Amino acid sequence: MTRTEVQGTARVFDPATRSGTVLLDDGTELAFDTAAFDAGGLRLLRLGQRVKMRRDDAGRIVALTLVTLPLPLP
């Protein structure tokens, strides 16, 4: 299984569900779920924050954190 790390910007975040969307640098919008948010160890995400993500082979975000923090090991 190949995992891809990419960067983007937080576009939408719902603190109640801990899910939202990010905009990749090419303008593509991707959704992330609670599991992906929790995997990155964050407690909060502000709109406009730069994030890095790990994606699975299907392109789904499996971990998300700030660009200044390390992603968890796969």
Protein backbone atom coordinates (compact mmCIF):
# COMPACT_ATOMS: atom_id res chain seq x y z
CA MET A 1 0.00 0.00 0.00
CA THR A 2 1.45 3.35 -1.05
CA ARG A 3 0.77 6.34 1.14
CA THR A 4 1.12 9.86 -0.19
CA GLU A 5 1.86 12.97 1.88
CA VAL A 6 0.48 16.26 0.59
CA GLN A 7 -0.06 19.76 1.94
CA GLY A 8 -3.04 22.04 1.83
CA THR A 9 -5.11 24.61 3.70
CA ALA A 10 -7.98 23.99 6.10
CA ARG A 11 -11.20 25.15 4.43
CA VAL A 12 -13.97 23.80 6.68
CA PHE A 13 -13.75 22.31 10.17
CA ASP A 14 -16.58 21.21 12.45
CA PRO A 15 -15.27 20.86 16.03
CA ALA A 16 -18.34 18.86 17.06
CA THR A 17 -17.65 16.07 14.53
CA ARG A 18 -13.89 16.73 14.13
CA SER A 19 -14.27 16.51 10.36
CA GLY A 20 -14.02 18.96 7.49
CA THR A 21 -12.35 19.73 4.19
CA VAL A 22 -8.98 20.96 2.98
CA LEU A 23 -7.91 22.66 -0.22
CA LEU A 24 -4.83 21.20 -1.85
CA ASP A 25 -2.39 23.62 -3.44
CA ASP A 26 -3.85 22.78 -6.88
CA GLY A 27 -7.33 23.86 -5.70
CA THR A 28 -8.73 20.35 -5.21
CA GLU A 29 -11.04 20.09 -2.19
CA LEU A 30 -10.80 16.90 -0.11
CA ALA A 31 -12.90 15.82 2.84
CA PHE A 32 -11.44 14.30 5.99
CA ASP A 33 -13.30 12.33 8.63
CA THR A 34 -13.04 12.06 12.40
CA ALA A 35 -10.60 9.13 12.22
CA ALA A 36 -8.18 11.10 10.01
CA PHE A 37 -8.34 14.12 12.31
CA ASP A 38 -7.83 12.01 15.44
CA ALA A 39 -4.89 10.16 13.84
CA GLY A 40 -2.95 13.43 13.59
CA GLY A 41 -3.21 14.20 17.29
CA LEU A 42 -4.79 17.63 16.86
CA ARG A 43 -7.38 19.08 19.21
CA LEU A 44 -8.49 22.02 17.05
CA LEU A 45 -8.10 23.29 13.51
CA ARG A 46 -8.59 26.88 12.38
CA LEU A 47 -9.70 27.82 8.90
CA GLY A 48 -6.75 28.86 6.77
CA GLN A 49 -4.18 26.82 8.71
CA ARG A 50 -1.61 24.96 6.64
CA VAL A 51 -1.84 21.22 7.10
CA LYS A 52 -0.12 18.13 5.81
CA MET A 53 -1.96 14.92 5.20
CA ARG A 54 -1.29 11.29 4.47
CA ARG A 55 -3.53 9.73 1.83
CA ASP A 56 -4.12 6.09 1.05
CA ASP A 57 -4.10 4.47 -2.40
CA ALA A 58 -7.71 5.53 -2.96
CA GLY A 59 -6.83 9.18 -2.21
CA ARG A 60 -8.68 9.22 1.12
CA ILE A 61 -7.08 11.28 3.90
CA VAL A 62 -6.03 8.91 6.69
CA ALA A 63 -4.06 11.37 8.88
CA LEU A 64 -3.97 15.15 9.12
CA THR A 65 -1.80 17.50 11.17
CA LEU A 66 -0.20 20.95 11.04
CA VAL A 67 2.75 21.37 8.68
CA THR A 68 4.99 22.11 11.68
CA LEU A 69 4.18 18.77 13.36
CA PRO A 70 5.19 15.26 12.30
CA LEU A 71 2.58 12.91 10.90
CA PRO A 72 2.14 9.72 12.93
CA LEU A 73 3.93 6.66 11.62
CA PRO A 74 1.78 4.60 9.25
